[in-house]
Amino acid sequence: MKEARRQFERYRCDIEVGVIGNDGETVISETFDISEEGIYLMLPTASVIGLMESGSKLITGEIIEILLPNHDQSKDLQIRGSIIHVKAVVDGSHLVGVHFLDYGDEVKTHIVDLISHL
């Protein structure tokens, strides 16, 4: 069900995406859901450590780069996003909500294609 404050419906998904650290290294994250405007990630502890070692603070407002695969995982698209909320979990993993900032035609087509195959 779409929340009143959201413009786009969220779709549950379980795909791996890359998150690029400030040092250019990519860590792996899992997803809970995606919409045309953002993505909800679960960063495992090792990925959190890697991002923090690269200088990321994982705080609201921080800009991060995400490698989002297409539906058949044959191509990743790098998309900038702004962290809108972060919650640290007891085991050291972090739940991270990201709002997409890059929203040109290529990005929109990529995201819509991925969603249509979920």
PDB file of N, CA and C in Angstrom:
ATOM      1  N   MET A   1       0.834  -1.178   0.000  1.00  0.00           N
ATOM      2  CA  MET A   1       0.000   0.000   0.000  1.00  0.00           C
ATOM      3  C   MET A   1       0.881   1.244   0.000  1.00  0.00           C
ATOM      4  N   LYS A   2       0.542   2.202  -0.824  1.00  0.00           N
ATOM      5  CA  LYS A   2       1.306   3.432  -0.938  1.00  0.00           C
ATOM      6  C   LYS A   2       0.972   4.360   0.216  1.00  0.00           C
ATOM      7  N   GLU A   3       2.020   4.881   0.864  1.00  0.00           N
ATOM      8  CA  GLU A   3       1.808   5.839   1.939  1.00  0.00           C
ATOM      9  C   GLU A   3       1.444   7.193   1.345  1.00  0.00           C
ATOM     10  N   ALA A   4       0.652   7.978   2.066  1.00  0.00           N
ATOM     11  CA  ALA A   4       0.167   9.265   1.568  1.00  0.00           C
ATOM     12  C   ALA A   4       1.317  10.216   1.233  1.00  0.00           C
ATOM     13  N   ARG A   5       2.410  10.173   1.971  1.00  0.00           N
ATOM     14  CA  ARG A   5       3.501  11.117   1.742  1.00  0.00           C
ATOM     15  C   ARG A   5       4.395  10.706   0.581  1.00  0.00           C
ATOM     16  N   ARG A   6       4.202   9.530   0.040  1.00  0.00           N
ATOM     17  CA  ARG A   6       5.047   9.037  -1.035  1.00  0.00           C
ATOM     18  C   ARG A   6       4.381   9.244  -2.383  1.00  0.00           C
ATOM     19  N   GLN A   7       5.201   9.630  -3.350  1.00  0.00           N
ATOM     20  CA  GLN A   7       4.677   9.829  -4.688  1.00  0.00           C
ATOM     21  C   GLN A   7       4.615   8.509  -5.462  1.00  0.00           C
ATOM     22  N   PHE A   8       5.542   7.604  -5.185  1.00  0.00           N
ATOM     23  CA  PHE A   8       5.635   6.354  -5.931  1.00  0.00           C
ATOM     24  C   PHE A   8       5.466   5.148  -5.007  1.00  0.00           C
ATOM     25  N   GLU A   9       4.832   4.120  -5.542  1.00  0.00           N
ATOM     26  CA  GLU A   9       4.639   2.886  -4.796  1.00  0.00           C
ATOM     27  C   GLU A   9       5.977   2.180  -4.572  1.00  0.00           C
ATOM     28  N   ARG A  10       6.105   1.569  -3.394  1.00  0.00           N
ATOM     29  CA  ARG A  10       7.300   0.773  -3.083  1.00  0.00           C
ATOM     30  C   ARG A  10       7.036  -0.678  -3.454  1.00  0.00           C
ATOM     31  N   TYR A  11       8.097  -1.339  -3.946  1.00  0.00           N
ATOM     32  CA  TYR A  11       8.018  -2.748  -4.326  1.00  0.00           C
ATOM     33  C   TYR A  11       9.047  -3.529  -3.524  1.00  0.00           C
ATOM     34  N   ARG A  12       8.578  -4.583  -2.874  1.00  0.00           N
ATOM     35  CA  ARG A  12       9.494  -5.427  -2.112  1.00  0.00           C
ATOM     36  C   ARG A  12      10.450  -6.097  -3.064  1.00  0.00           C
ATOM     37  N   CYS A  13      11.702  -6.173  -2.666  1.00  0.00           N
ATOM     38  CA  CYS A  13      12.700  -6.843  -3.493  1.00  0.00           C
ATOM     39  C   CYS A  13      13.843  -7.345  -2.623  1.00  0.00           C
ATOM     40  N   ASP A  14      14.544  -8.290  -3.140  1.00  0.00           N
ATOM     41  CA  ASP A  14      15.697  -8.869  -2.456  1.00  0.00           C
ATOM     42  C   ASP A  14      16.807  -9.016  -3.490  1.00  0.00           C
ATOM     43  N   ILE A  15      17.455  -7.898  -3.791  1.00  0.00           N
ATOM     44  CA  ILE A  15      18.546  -7.897  -4.760  1.00  0.00           C
ATOM     45  C   ILE A  15      19.788  -7.317  -4.101  1.00  0.00           C
ATOM     46  N   GLU A  16      20.941  -7.688  -4.619  1.00  0.00           N
ATOM     47  CA  GLU A  16      22.187  -7.107  -4.136  1.00  0.00           C
ATOM     48  C   GLU A  16      22.508  -5.879  -4.973  1.00  0.00           C
ATOM     49  N   VAL A  17      22.886  -4.819  -4.288  1.00  0.00           N
ATOM     50  CA  VAL A  17      23.347  -3.610  -4.953  1.00  0.00           C
ATOM     51  C   VAL A  17      24.718  -3.265  -4.385  1.00  0.00           C
ATOM     52  N   GLY A  18      25.470  -2.502  -5.132  1.00  0.00           N
ATOM     53  CA  GLY A  18      26.762  -2.018  -4.650  1.00  0.00           C
ATOM     54  C   GLY A  18      26.614  -0.613  -4.093  1.00  0.00           C
ATOM     55  N   VAL A  19      27.368  -0.317  -3.064  1.00  0.00           N
ATOM     56  CA  VAL A  19      27.455   1.039  -2.529  1.00  0.00           C
ATOM     57  C   VAL A  19      28.927   1.421  -2.611  1.00  0.00           C
ATOM     58  N   ILE A  20      29.188   2.520  -3.310  1.00  0.00           N
ATOM     59  CA  ILE A  20      30.564   2.937  -3.545  1.00  0.00           C
ATOM     60  C   ILE A  20      31.023   3.839  -2.407  1.00  0.00           C
ATOM     61  N   GLY A  21      32.114   3.461  -1.770  1.00  0.00           N
ATOM     62  CA  GLY A  21      32.677   4.261  -0.692  1.00  0.00           C
ATOM     63  C   GLY A  21      33.449   5.456  -1.234  1.00  0.00           C
ATOM     64  N   ASN A  22      33.839   6.353  -0.352  1.00  0.00           N
ATOM     65  CA  ASN A  22      34.589   7.549  -0.744  1.00  0.00           C
ATOM     66  C   ASN A  22      35.947   7.214  -1.343  1.00  0.00           C
ATOM     67  N   ASP A  23      36.438   5.999  -1.096  1.00  0.00           N
ATOM     68  CA  ASP A  23      37.719   5.562  -1.653  1.00  0.00           C
ATOM     69  C   ASP A  23      37.550   4.859  -3.001  1.00  0.00           C
ATOM     70  N   GLY A  24      36.319   4.792  -3.505  1.00  0.00           N
ATOM     71  CA  GLY A  24      36.065   4.150  -4.789  1.00  0.00           C
ATOM     72  C   GLY A  24      35.801   2.661  -4.704  1.00  0.00           C
ATOM     73  N   GLU A  25      35.981   2.083  -3.524  1.00  0.00           N
ATOM     74  CA  GLU A  25      35.722   0.656  -3.332  1.00  0.00           C
ATOM     75  C   GLU A  25      34.222   0.427  -3.167  1.00  0.00           C
ATOM     76  N   THR A  26      33.754  -0.695  -3.697  1.00  0.00           N
ATOM     77  CA  THR A  26      32.333  -1.011  -3.624  1.00  0.00           C
ATOM     78  C   THR A  26      32.074  -2.079  -2.571  1.00  0.00           C
ATOM     79  N   VAL A  27      31.059  -1.852  -1.749  1.00  0.00           N
ATOM     80  CA  VAL A  27      30.621  -2.843  -0.769  1.00  0.00           C
ATOM     81  C   VAL A  27      29.232  -3.316  -1.188  1.00  0.00           C
ATOM     82  N   ILE A  28      28.841  -4.464  -0.685  1.00  0.00           N
ATOM     83  CA  ILE A  28      27.563  -5.068  -1.058  1.00  0.00           C
ATOM     84  C   ILE A  28      26.486  -4.721  -0.032  1.00  0.00           C
ATOM     85  N   SER A  29      25.296  -4.481  -0.536  1.00  0.00           N
ATOM     86  CA  SER A  29      24.143  -4.245   0.317  1.00  0.00           C
ATOM     87  C   SER A  29      22.976  -5.061  -0.222  1.00  0.00           C
ATOM     88  N   GLU A  30      22.077  -5.431   0.659  1.00  0.00           N
ATOM     89  CA  GLU A  30      20.837  -6.086   0.258  1.00  0.00           C
ATOM     90  C   GLU A  30      19.732  -5.039   0.262  1.00  0.00           C
ATOM     91  N   THR A  31      18.639  -5.327  -0.421  1.00  0.00           N
ATOM     92  CA  THR A  31      17.529  -4.380  -0.473  1.00  0.00           C
ATOM     93  C   THR A  31      16.283  -4.978   0.146  1.00  0.00           C
ATOM     94  N   PHE A  32      15.451  -4.106   0.706  1.00  0.00           N
ATOM     95  CA  PHE A  32      14.134  -4.489   1.206  1.00  0.00           C
ATOM     96  C   PHE A  32      13.056  -4.079   0.222  1.00  0.00           C
ATOM     97  N   ASP A  33      13.198  -2.850  -0.277  1.00  0.00           N
ATOM     98  CA  ASP A  33      12.225  -2.391  -1.261  1.00  0.00           C
ATOM     99  C   ASP A  33      12.834  -1.282  -2.116  1.00  0.00           C
ATOM    100  N   ILE A  34      12.125  -1.014  -3.224  1.00  0.00           N
ATOM    101  CA  ILE A  34      12.569   0.004  -4.161  1.00  0.00           C
ATOM    102  C   ILE A  34      11.328   0.700  -4.719  1.00  0.00           C
ATOM    103  N   SER A  35      11.489   1.961  -5.067  1.00  0.00           N
ATOM    104  CA  SER A  35      10.452   2.704  -5.769  1.00  0.00           C
ATOM    105  C   SER A  35      11.163   3.525  -6.835  1.00  0.00           C
ATOM    106  N   GLU A  36      10.409   4.252  -7.605  1.00  0.00           N
ATOM    107  CA  GLU A  36      11.025   5.093  -8.627  1.00  0.00           C
ATOM    108  C   GLU A  36      11.791   6.261  -8.006  1.00  0.00           C
ATOM    109  N   GLU A  37      11.589   6.513  -6.706  1.00  0.00           N
ATOM    110  CA  GLU A  37      12.264   7.644  -6.084  1.00  0.00           C
ATOM    111  C   GLU A  37      13.335   7.263  -5.064  1.00  0.00           C
ATOM    112  N   GLY A  38      13.422   5.969  -4.706  1.00  0.00           N
ATOM    113  CA  GLY A  38      14.417   5.613  -3.706  1.00  0.00           C
ATOM    114  C   GLY A  38      14.496   4.123  -3.450  1.00  0.00           C
ATOM    115  N   ILE A  39      15.354   3.789  -2.492  1.00  0.00           N
ATOM    116  CA  ILE A  39      15.618   2.387  -2.177  1.00  0.00           C
ATOM    117  C   ILE A  39      15.885   2.260  -0.683  1.00  0.00           C
ATOM    118  N   TYR A  40      15.487   1.129  -0.118  1.00  0.00           N
ATOM    119  CA  TYR A  40      15.703   0.848   1.302  1.00  0.00           C
ATOM    120  C   TYR A  40      16.705  -0.299   1.378  1.00  0.00           C
ATOM    121  N   LEU A  41      17.859  -0.035   1.989  1.00  0.00           N
ATOM    122  CA  LEU A  41      18.983  -0.967   2.016  1.00  0.00           C
ATOM    123  C   LEU A  41      19.219  -1.555   3.395  1.00  0.00           C
ATOM    124  N   MET A  42      19.820  -2.731   3.416  1.00  0.00           N
ATOM    125  CA  MET A  42      20.344  -3.327   4.636  1.00  0.00           C
ATOM    126  C   MET A  42      21.837  -3.559   4.389  1.00  0.00           C
ATOM    127  N   LEU A  43      22.649  -2.717   5.013  1.00  0.00           N
ATOM    128  CA  LEU A  43      24.101  -2.839   4.891  1.00  0.00           C
ATOM    129  C   LEU A  43      24.611  -3.784   5.970  1.00  0.00           C
ATOM    130  N   PRO A  44      25.207  -4.921   5.568  1.00  0.00           N
ATOM    131  CA  PRO A  44      25.760  -5.812   6.586  1.00  0.00           C
ATOM    132  C   PRO A  44      26.935  -5.149   7.303  1.00  0.00           C
ATOM    133  N   THR A  45      27.296  -5.674   8.442  1.00  0.00           N
ATOM    134  CA  THR A  45      28.352  -5.086   9.276  1.00  0.00           C
ATOM    135  C   THR A  45      29.644  -4.850   8.507  1.00  0.00           C
ATOM    136  N   ALA A  46      30.087  -5.829   7.715  1.00  0.00           N
ATOM    137  CA  ALA A  46      31.340  -5.672   6.959  1.00  0.00           C
ATOM    138  C   ALA A  46      31.255  -4.498   5.991  1.00  0.00           C
ATOM    139  N   SER A  47      30.088  -4.295   5.382  1.00  0.00           N
ATOM    140  CA  SER A  47      29.918  -3.173   4.461  1.00  0.00           C
ATOM    141  C   SER A  47      29.908  -1.842   5.204  1.00  0.00           C
ATOM    142  N   VAL A  48      29.278  -1.808   6.368  1.00  0.00           N
ATOM    143  CA  VAL A  48      29.272  -0.594   7.194  1.00  0.00           C
ATOM    144  C   VAL A  48      30.707  -0.222   7.555  1.00  0.00           C
ATOM    145  N   ILE A  49      31.480  -1.207   7.994  1.00  0.00           N
ATOM    146  CA  ILE A  49      32.876  -0.959   8.368  1.00  0.00           C
ATOM    147  C   ILE A  49      33.655  -0.435   7.171  1.00  0.00           C
ATOM    148  N   GLY A  50      33.477  -1.067   6.001  1.00  0.00           N
ATOM    149  CA  GLY A  50      34.176  -0.630   4.800  1.00  0.00           C
ATOM    150  C   GLY A  50      33.835   0.800   4.418  1.00  0.00           C
ATOM    151  N   LEU A  51      32.563   1.157   4.483  1.00  0.00           N
ATOM    152  CA  LEU A  51      32.160   2.523   4.146  1.00  0.00           C
ATOM    153  C   LEU A  51      32.711   3.530   5.146  1.00  0.00           C
ATOM    154  N   MET A  52      32.663   3.192   6.428  1.00  0.00           N
ATOM    155  CA  MET A  52      33.178   4.120   7.443  1.00  0.00           C
ATOM    156  C   MET A  52      34.690   4.283   7.335  1.00  0.00           C
ATOM    157  N   GLU A  53      35.379   3.201   7.001  1.00  0.00           N
ATOM    158  CA  GLU A  53      36.833   3.299   6.798  1.00  0.00           C
ATOM    159  C   GLU A  53      37.170   4.175   5.604  1.00  0.00           C
ATOM    160  N   SER A  54      36.245   4.286   4.656  1.00  0.00           N
ATOM    161  CA  SER A  54      36.483   5.121   3.474  1.00  0.00           C
ATOM    162  C   SER A  54      36.094   6.586   3.728  1.00  0.00           C
ATOM    163  N   GLY A  55      35.599   6.869   4.922  1.00  0.00           N
ATOM    164  CA  GLY A  55      35.264   8.242   5.286  1.00  0.00           C
ATOM    165  C   GLY A  55      33.780   8.547   5.327  1.00  0.00           C
ATOM    166  N   SER A  56      32.953   7.587   4.994  1.00  0.00           N
ATOM    167  CA  SER A  56      31.508   7.796   5.066  1.00  0.00           C
ATOM    168  C   SER A  56      31.078   7.851   6.526  1.00  0.00           C
ATOM    169  N   LYS A  57      30.104   8.700   6.804  1.00  0.00           N
ATOM    170  CA  LYS A  57      29.584   8.800   8.168  1.00  0.00           C
ATOM    171  C   LYS A  57      28.232   8.097   8.304  1.00  0.00           C
ATOM    172  N   LEU A  58      27.622   7.725   7.158  1.00  0.00           N
ATOM    173  CA  LEU A  58      26.295   7.096   7.154  1.00  0.00           C
ATOM    174  C   LEU A  58      25.313   7.896   8.003  1.00  0.00           C
ATOM    175  N   ILE A  59      25.152   9.159   7.617  1.00  0.00           N
ATOM    176  CA  ILE A  59      24.236  10.048   8.328  1.00  0.00           C
ATOM    177  C   ILE A  59      23.218  10.645   7.349  1.00  0.00           C
ATOM    178  N   THR A  60      22.111  11.108   7.891  1.00  0.00           N
ATOM    179  CA  THR A  60      21.085  11.753   7.092  1.00  0.00           C
ATOM    180  C   THR A  60      21.681  12.925   6.315  1.00  0.00           C
ATOM    181  N   GLY A  61      21.354  12.981   5.022  1.00  0.00           N
ATOM    182  CA  GLY A  61      21.842  14.051   4.163  1.00  0.00           C
ATOM    183  C   GLY A  61      23.108  13.719   3.400  1.00  0.00           C
ATOM    184  N   GLU A  62      23.818  12.687   3.825  1.00  0.00           N
ATOM    185  CA  GLU A  62      25.047  12.302   3.128  1.00  0.00           C
ATOM    186  C   GLU A  62      24.698  11.769   1.734  1.00  0.00           C
ATOM    187  N   ILE A  63      25.513  12.128   0.758  1.00  0.00           N
ATOM    188  CA  ILE A  63      25.331  11.668  -0.613  1.00  0.00           C
ATOM    189  C   ILE A  63      26.152  10.400  -0.810  1.00  0.00           C
ATOM    190  N   ILE A  64      25.503   9.345  -1.344  1.00  0.00           N
ATOM    191  CA  ILE A  64      26.204   8.100  -1.628  1.00  0.00           C
ATOM    192  C   ILE A  64      25.941   7.700  -3.077  1.00  0.00           C
ATOM    193  N   GLU A  65      26.795   6.833  -3.594  1.00  0.00           N
ATOM    194  CA  GLU A  65      26.657   6.310  -4.948  1.00  0.00           C
ATOM    195  C   GLU A  65      26.256   4.843  -4.853  1.00  0.00           C
ATOM    196  N   ILE A  66      25.235   4.473  -5.612  1.00  0.00           N
ATOM    197  CA  ILE A  66      24.725   3.100  -5.606  1.00  0.00           C
ATOM    198  C   ILE A  66      24.879   2.509  -7.002  1.00  0.00           C
ATOM    199  N   LEU A  67      25.307   1.253  -7.071  1.00  0.00           N
ATOM    200  CA  LEU A  67      25.336   0.511  -8.326  1.00  0.00           C
ATOM    201  C   LEU A  67      24.098  -0.371  -8.350  1.00  0.00           C
ATOM    202  N   LEU A  68      23.127   0.002  -9.152  1.00  0.00           N
ATOM    203  CA  LEU A  68      21.854  -0.702  -9.215  1.00  0.00           C
ATOM    204  C   LEU A  68      21.818  -1.576 -10.464  1.00  0.00           C
ATOM    205  N   PRO A  69      21.650  -2.911 -10.290  1.00  0.00           N
ATOM    206  CA  PRO A  69      21.610  -3.786 -11.472  1.00  0.00           C
ATOM    207  C   PRO A  69      20.288  -3.652 -12.219  1.00  0.00           C
ATOM    208  N   ASN A  70      20.309  -4.048 -13.489  1.00  0.00           N
ATOM    209  CA  ASN A  70      19.046  -4.134 -14.211  1.00  0.00           C
ATOM    210  C   ASN A  70      18.398  -5.475 -13.891  1.00  0.00           C
ATOM    211  N   HIS A  71      17.255  -5.766 -14.490  1.00  0.00           N
ATOM    212  CA  HIS A  71      16.470  -6.940 -14.100  1.00  0.00           C
ATOM    213  C   HIS A  71      17.193  -8.265 -14.297  1.00  0.00           C
ATOM    214  N   ASP A  72      18.076  -8.357 -15.287  1.00  0.00           N
ATOM    215  CA  ASP A  72      18.790  -9.630 -15.496  1.00  0.00           C
ATOM    216  C   ASP A  72      20.240  -9.574 -15.011  1.00  0.00           C
ATOM    217  N   GLN A  73      20.575  -8.516 -14.298  1.00  0.00           N
ATOM    218  CA  GLN A  73      21.895  -8.311 -13.705  1.00  0.00           C
ATOM    219  C   GLN A  73      23.022  -8.283 -14.729  1.00  0.00           C
ATOM    220  N   SER A  74      22.699  -7.861 -15.954  1.00  0.00           N
ATOM    221  CA  SER A  74      23.723  -7.775 -16.992  1.00  0.00           C
ATOM    222  C   SER A  74      24.379  -6.399 -17.036  1.00  0.00           C
ATOM    223  N   LYS A  75      23.789  -5.423 -16.337  1.00  0.00           N
ATOM    224  CA  LYS A  75      24.323  -4.067 -16.351  1.00  0.00           C
ATOM    225  C   LYS A  75      24.002  -3.377 -15.041  1.00  0.00           C
ATOM    226  N   ASP A  76      24.998  -2.708 -14.471  1.00  0.00           N
ATOM    227  CA  ASP A  76      24.789  -1.878 -13.287  1.00  0.00           C
ATOM    228  C   ASP A  76      24.772  -0.422 -13.724  1.00  0.00           C
ATOM    229  N   LEU A  77      23.923   0.356 -13.092  1.00  0.00           N
ATOM    230  CA  LEU A  77      23.879   1.789 -13.347  1.00  0.00           C
ATOM    231  C   LEU A  77      24.239   2.493 -12.046  1.00  0.00           C
ATOM    232  N   GLN A  78      25.174   3.438 -12.124  1.00  0.00           N
ATOM    233  CA  GLN A  78      25.582   4.189 -10.946  1.00  0.00           C
ATOM    234  C   GLN A  78      24.620   5.351 -10.741  1.00  0.00           C
ATOM    235  N   ILE A  79      24.019   5.394  -9.544  1.00  0.00           N
ATOM    236  CA  ILE A  79      23.010   6.401  -9.225  1.00  0.00           C
ATOM    237  C   ILE A  79      23.387   7.091  -7.911  1.00  0.00           C
ATOM    238  N   ARG A  80      23.363   8.422  -7.918  1.00  0.00           N
ATOM    239  CA  ARG A  80      23.601   9.181  -6.689  1.00  0.00           C
ATOM    240  C   ARG A  80      22.326   9.222  -5.865  1.00  0.00           C
ATOM    241  N   GLY A  81      22.495   9.140  -4.562  1.00  0.00           N
ATOM    242  CA  GLY A  81      21.352   9.221  -3.675  1.00  0.00           C
ATOM    243  C   GLY A  81      21.700   9.941  -2.388  1.00  0.00           C
ATOM    244  N   SER A  82      20.687  10.450  -1.730  1.00  0.00           N
ATOM    245  CA  SER A  82      20.858  11.119  -0.449  1.00  0.00           C
ATOM    246  C   SER A  82      20.259  10.233   0.635  1.00  0.00           C
ATOM    247  N   ILE A  83      21.022  10.011   1.684  1.00  0.00           N
ATOM    248  CA  ILE A  83      20.522   9.213   2.804  1.00  0.00           C
ATOM    249  C   ILE A  83      19.428  10.013   3.510  1.00  0.00           C
ATOM    250  N   ILE A  84      18.249   9.393   3.641  1.00  0.00           N
ATOM    251  CA  ILE A  84      17.151  10.095   4.324  1.00  0.00           C
ATOM    252  C   ILE A  84      16.921   9.582   5.743  1.00  0.00           C
ATOM    253  N   HIS A  85      17.350   8.346   6.010  1.00  0.00           N
ATOM    254  CA  HIS A  85      17.324   7.857   7.389  1.00  0.00           C
ATOM    255  C   HIS A  85      18.259   6.655   7.516  1.00  0.00           C
ATOM    256  N   VAL A  86      18.774   6.493   8.727  1.00  0.00           N
ATOM    257  CA  VAL A  86      19.691   5.393   9.043  1.00  0.00           C
ATOM    258  C   VAL A  86      19.317   4.845  10.409  1.00  0.00           C
ATOM    259  N   LYS A  87      19.326   3.524  10.509  1.00  0.00           N
ATOM    260  CA  LYS A  87      19.087   2.893  11.803  1.00  0.00           C
ATOM    261  C   LYS A  87      20.123   1.789  11.984  1.00  0.00           C
ATOM    262  N   ALA A  88      20.950   1.918  13.022  1.00  0.00           N
ATOM    263  CA  ALA A  88      21.914   0.874  13.356  1.00  0.00           C
ATOM    264  C   ALA A  88      21.172  -0.263  14.045  1.00  0.00           C
ATOM    265  N   VAL A  89      21.504  -1.487  13.666  1.00  0.00           N
ATOM    266  CA  VAL A  89      20.889  -2.674  14.252  1.00  0.00           C
ATOM    267  C   VAL A  89      21.889  -3.278  15.225  1.00  0.00           C
ATOM    268  N   VAL A  90      21.392  -4.029  16.202  1.00  0.00           N
ATOM    269  CA  VAL A  90      22.214  -4.591  17.271  1.00  0.00           C
ATOM    270  C   VAL A  90      23.439  -5.334  16.735  1.00  0.00           C
ATOM    271  N   ASP A  91      23.304  -6.059  15.620  1.00  0.00           N
ATOM    272  CA  ASP A  91      24.418  -6.849  15.095  1.00  0.00           C
ATOM    273  C   ASP A  91      25.463  -6.027  14.342  1.00  0.00           C
ATOM    274  N   GLY A  92      25.266  -4.704  14.250  1.00  0.00           N
ATOM    275  CA  GLY A  92      26.226  -3.844  13.560  1.00  0.00           C
ATOM    276  C   GLY A  92      25.826  -3.502  12.134  1.00  0.00           C
ATOM    277  N   SER A  93      24.806  -4.160  11.624  1.00  0.00           N
ATOM    278  CA  SER A  93      24.329  -3.797  10.293  1.00  0.00           C
ATOM    279  C   SER A  93      23.531  -2.489  10.401  1.00  0.00           C
ATOM    280  N   HIS A  94      23.265  -1.878   9.256  1.00  0.00           N
ATOM    281  CA  HIS A  94      22.510  -0.621   9.240  1.00  0.00           C
ATOM    282  C   HIS A  94      21.392  -0.699   8.203  1.00  0.00           C
ATOM    283  N   LEU A  95      20.223  -0.187   8.564  1.00  0.00           N
ATOM    284  CA  LEU A  95      19.115  -0.026   7.640  1.00  0.00           C
ATOM    285  C   LEU A  95      19.179   1.410   7.127  1.00  0.00           C
ATOM    286  N   VAL A  96      19.206   1.563   5.801  1.00  0.00           N
ATOM    287  CA  VAL A  96      19.452   2.878   5.216  1.00  0.00           C
ATOM    288  C   VAL A  96      18.412   3.175   4.139  1.00  0.00           C
ATOM    289  N   GLY A  97      17.690   4.265   4.301  1.00  0.00           N
ATOM    290  CA  GLY A  97      16.762   4.738   3.281  1.00  0.00           C
ATOM    291  C   GLY A  97      17.461   5.772   2.422  1.00  0.00           C
ATOM    292  N   VAL A  98      17.379   5.594   1.104  1.00  0.00           N
ATOM    293  CA  VAL A  98      18.080   6.478   0.175  1.00  0.00           C
ATOM    294  C   VAL A  98      17.086   7.039  -0.839  1.00  0.00           C
ATOM    295  N   HIS A  99      17.149   8.344  -1.038  1.00  0.00           N
ATOM    296  CA  HIS A  99      16.332   9.018  -2.059  1.00  0.00           C
ATOM    297  C   HIS A  99      17.225   9.249  -3.278  1.00  0.00           C
ATOM    298  N   PHE A 100      16.797   8.759  -4.453  1.00  0.00           N
ATOM    299  CA  PHE A 100      17.585   8.938  -5.662  1.00  0.00           C
ATOM    300  C   PHE A 100      17.660  10.413  -6.034  1.00  0.00           C
ATOM    301  N   LEU A 101      18.856  10.873  -6.391  1.00  0.00           N
ATOM    302  CA  LEU A 101      19.049  12.262  -6.813  1.00  0.00           C
ATOM    303  C   LEU A 101      19.170  12.379  -8.324  1.00  0.00           C
ATOM    304  N   ASP A 102      19.822  11.400  -8.951  1.00  0.00           N
ATOM    305  CA  ASP A 102      19.958  11.382 -10.409  1.00  0.00           C
ATOM    306  C   ASP A 102      18.662  10.838 -10.973  1.00  0.00           C
ATOM    307  N   TYR A 103      17.972  11.658 -11.740  1.00  0.00           N
ATOM    308  CA  TYR A 103      16.698  11.159 -12.226  1.00  0.00           C
ATOM    309  C   TYR A 103      16.455  11.548 -13.676  1.00  0.00           C
ATOM    310  N   GLY A 104      17.473  11.322 -14.511  1.00  0.00           N
ATOM    311  CA  GLY A 104      17.308  11.540 -15.937  1.00  0.00           C
ATOM    312  C   GLY A 104      16.595  10.357 -16.570  1.00  0.00           C
ATOM    313  N   ASP A 105      16.414  10.432 -17.872  1.00  0.00           N
ATOM    314  CA  ASP A 105      15.688   9.387 -18.594  1.00  0.00           C
ATOM    315  C   ASP A 105      16.335   8.014 -18.451  1.00  0.00           C
ATOM    316  N   GLU A 106      17.675   7.947 -18.514  1.00  0.00           N
ATOM    317  CA  GLU A 106      18.356   6.656 -18.410  1.00  0.00           C
ATOM    318  C   GLU A 106      18.113   6.013 -17.048  1.00  0.00           C
ATOM    319  N   VAL A 107      18.203   6.806 -15.995  1.00  0.00           N
ATOM    320  CA  VAL A 107      17.984   6.292 -14.640  1.00  0.00           C
ATOM    321  C   VAL A 107      16.530   5.843 -14.481  1.00  0.00           C
ATOM    322  N   LYS A 108      15.596   6.672 -14.903  1.00  0.00           N
ATOM    323  CA  LYS A 108      14.181   6.333 -14.763  1.00  0.00           C
ATOM    324  C   LYS A 108      13.863   5.037 -15.512  1.00  0.00           C
ATOM    325  N   THR A 109      14.332   4.909 -16.742  1.00  0.00           N
ATOM    326  CA  THR A 109      14.094   3.698 -17.535  1.00  0.00           C
ATOM    327  C   THR A 109      14.685   2.483 -16.854  1.00  0.00           C
ATOM    328  N   HIS A 110      15.893   2.608 -16.316  1.00  0.00           N
ATOM    329  CA  HIS A 110      16.585   1.508 -15.636  1.00  0.00           C
ATOM    330  C   HIS A 110      15.779   1.037 -14.423  1.00  0.00           C
ATOM    331  N   ILE A 111      15.328   1.987 -13.605  1.00  0.00           N
ATOM    332  CA  ILE A 111      14.581   1.653 -12.393  1.00  0.00           C
ATOM    333  C   ILE A 111      13.219   1.048 -12.729  1.00  0.00           C
ATOM    334  N   VAL A 112      12.508   1.647 -13.669  1.00  0.00           N
ATOM    335  CA  VAL A 112      11.187   1.133 -14.063  1.00  0.00           C
ATOM    336  C   VAL A 112      11.318  -0.277 -14.628  1.00  0.00           C
ATOM    337  N   ASP A 113      12.353  -0.524 -15.432  1.00  0.00           N
ATOM    338  CA  ASP A 113      12.583  -1.861 -15.982  1.00  0.00           C
ATOM    339  C   ASP A 113      12.835  -2.861 -14.864  1.00  0.00           C
ATOM    340  N   LEU A 114      13.667  -2.492 -13.903  1.00  0.00           N
ATOM    341  CA  LEU A 114      13.944  -3.392 -12.771  1.00  0.00           C
ATOM    342  C   LEU A 114      12.667  -3.690 -12.006  1.00  0.00           C
ATOM    343  N   ILE A 115      11.891  -2.661 -11.688  1.00  0.00           N
ATOM    344  CA  ILE A 115      10.653  -2.844 -10.937  1.00  0.00           C
ATOM    345  C   ILE A 115       9.667  -3.720 -11.698  1.00  0.00           C
ATOM    346  N   SER A 116       9.588  -3.545 -12.997  1.00  0.00           N
ATOM    347  CA  SER A 116       8.613  -4.300 -13.780  1.00  0.00           C
ATOM    348  C   SER A 116       8.916  -5.803 -13.813  1.00  0.00           C
ATOM    349  N   HIS A 117      10.133  -6.186 -13.439  1.00  0.00           N
ATOM    350  CA  HIS A 117      10.517  -7.605 -13.432  1.00  0.00           C
ATOM    351  C   HIS A 117      10.575  -8.201 -12.025  1.00  0.00           C
ATOM    352  N   LEU A 118      10.129  -7.450 -11.034  1.00  0.00           N
ATOM    353  CA  LEU A 118      10.151  -7.975  -9.650  1.00  0.00           C
ATOM    354  C   LEU A 118       8.987  -8.922  -9.435  1.00  0.00           C
TER     355      LEU A 118
END
